[in-house]
Amino acid sequence: MAKYAGSVGYATQVEVRPGSYKNIIVTKKMRGDVIRLASNTESGDKVNDDVVLNNRISLVGDPFAYSNFMNLKFIEYLNVKWKVSSVEVQRPRLICTLGGVWNDA
């Protein structure tokens, strides 16, 4: 089993002015294990296929991670930010399944 150490991004809502909210990405450093390595390509009405990871990463959780697991948006793996498609809470771990490439825009 490979080890993981890297950045994880959470989207939190911040009130900019009364009644107006904005999503802010909070990045945390986390550690864990890579428990599955897999990938596939998604084609559609595009010229180039999209690469999608089906990797599963088991992160060691902390109080912030447990209270914000539903806001987990990306995990940086192999110098690329990947979307988190699902999160499973199995204390003391968060089991995350990765999807396509995260778009910062």
Protein backbone atom coordinates (compact mmCIF):
# COMPACT_ATOMS: atom_id res chain seq x y z
CA MET A 1 0.00 0.00 0.00
CA ALA A 2 1.44 3.38 -1.03
CA LYS A 3 1.53 6.30 1.38
CA TYR A 4 -0.11 9.67 0.65
CA ALA A 5 0.87 13.13 1.87
CA GLY A 6 -0.45 16.25 0.20
CA SER A 7 -2.98 19.06 -0.04
CA VAL A 8 -6.70 18.61 0.37
CA GLY A 9 -9.20 21.36 -0.49
CA TYR A 10 -12.43 22.15 1.33
CA ALA A 11 -15.04 24.65 0.08
CA THR A 12 -16.42 26.76 2.92
CA GLN A 13 -19.02 29.48 2.63
CA VAL A 14 -18.14 32.93 3.93
CA GLU A 15 -20.65 35.75 4.27
CA VAL A 16 -19.29 38.62 2.15
CA ARG A 17 -22.09 41.02 3.10
CA PRO A 18 -25.43 40.41 4.76
CA GLY A 19 -27.28 37.75 2.76
CA SER A 20 -24.46 37.26 0.23
CA TYR A 21 -22.16 34.24 0.50
CA LYS A 22 -19.05 33.20 -1.40
CA ASN A 23 -17.27 29.83 -1.57
CA ILE A 24 -13.69 29.99 -0.30
CA ILE A 25 -11.29 27.07 -0.76
CA VAL A 26 -9.41 26.16 2.42
CA THR A 27 -6.37 23.95 1.81
CA LYS A 28 -5.10 21.55 4.48
CA LYS A 29 -2.11 19.19 4.50
CA MET A 30 -3.16 15.60 5.22
CA ARG A 31 -1.61 12.14 5.29
CA GLY A 32 -2.93 8.69 4.57
CA ASP A 33 -2.70 5.67 2.28
CA VAL A 34 -3.50 5.04 -1.39
CA ILE A 35 -5.68 1.93 -1.22
CA ARG A 36 -6.65 1.58 -4.88
CA LEU A 37 -4.99 2.70 -8.12
CA ALA A 38 -7.21 2.69 -11.21
CA SER A 39 -8.08 5.02 -14.08
CA ASN A 40 -10.28 5.18 -17.14
CA THR A 41 -11.12 7.61 -19.92
CA GLU A 42 -14.43 9.30 -20.55
CA SER A 43 -15.30 10.16 -24.09
CA GLY A 44 -18.35 11.97 -25.23
CA ASP A 45 -18.89 14.79 -27.67
CA LYS A 46 -15.31 15.94 -27.15
CA VAL A 47 -12.30 15.75 -29.41
CA ASN A 48 -10.02 14.54 -26.60
CA ASP A 49 -11.01 12.02 -23.95
CA ASP A 50 -10.94 13.02 -20.27
CA VAL A 51 -8.79 11.02 -17.87
CA VAL A 52 -10.67 9.99 -14.74
CA LEU A 53 -9.03 8.40 -11.72
CA ASN A 54 -10.86 5.82 -9.69
CA ASN A 55 -8.21 5.90 -7.00
CA ARG A 56 -9.22 5.57 -3.39
CA ILE A 57 -7.23 7.44 -0.78
CA SER A 58 -7.66 6.79 2.92
CA LEU A 59 -6.94 10.02 4.85
CA VAL A 60 -6.26 10.17 8.58
CA GLY A 61 -8.98 12.48 9.86
CA ASP A 62 -8.83 15.32 12.36
CA PRO A 63 -11.68 17.29 13.98
CA PHE A 64 -11.80 19.75 11.04
CA ALA A 65 -11.93 16.90 8.51
CA TYR A 66 -14.77 15.11 10.33
CA SER A 67 -16.90 18.24 10.64
CA ASN A 68 -16.28 19.30 7.01
CA PHE A 69 -16.04 16.01 5.10
CA MET A 70 -19.10 16.96 3.02
CA ASN A 71 -17.21 20.05 1.77
CA LEU A 72 -14.17 18.09 0.54
CA LYS A 73 -13.65 19.15 -3.09
CA PHE A 74 -10.20 18.06 -4.26
CA ILE A 75 -7.12 16.06 -3.37
CA GLU A 76 -3.75 16.87 -4.88
CA TYR A 77 -2.19 13.63 -6.12
CA LEU A 78 0.78 13.28 -8.51
CA ASN A 79 0.98 17.12 -8.74
CA VAL A 80 -2.59 17.34 -10.11
CA LYS A 81 -5.73 18.41 -8.24
CA TRP A 82 -8.38 15.70 -8.61
CA LYS A 83 -12.11 16.03 -7.79
CA VAL A 84 -13.38 14.03 -4.86
CA SER A 85 -16.40 12.10 -6.14
CA SER A 86 -17.31 10.44 -2.83
CA VAL A 87 -16.24 10.38 0.82
CA GLU A 88 -16.90 7.55 3.26
CA VAL A 89 -16.34 8.17 6.97
CA GLN A 90 -14.72 5.21 8.76
CA ARG A 91 -13.17 6.69 11.87
CA PRO A 92 -10.30 7.43 12.21
CA ARG A 93 -10.21 7.55 8.38
CA LEU A 94 -11.94 9.33 5.53
CA ILE A 95 -12.04 7.08 2.45
CA CYS A 96 -12.09 9.32 -0.66
CA THR A 97 -12.74 8.24 -4.25
CA LEU A 98 -11.19 10.49 -6.88
CA GLY A 99 -12.76 11.48 -10.19
CA GLY A 100 -11.75 13.91 -12.94
CA VAL A 101 -9.34 16.82 -12.86
CA TRP A 102 -10.38 19.70 -10.54
CA ASN A 103 -10.98 22.98 -12.34
CA ASP A 104 -9.92 25.91 -10.13
CA ALA A 105 -12.09 28.39 -12.02
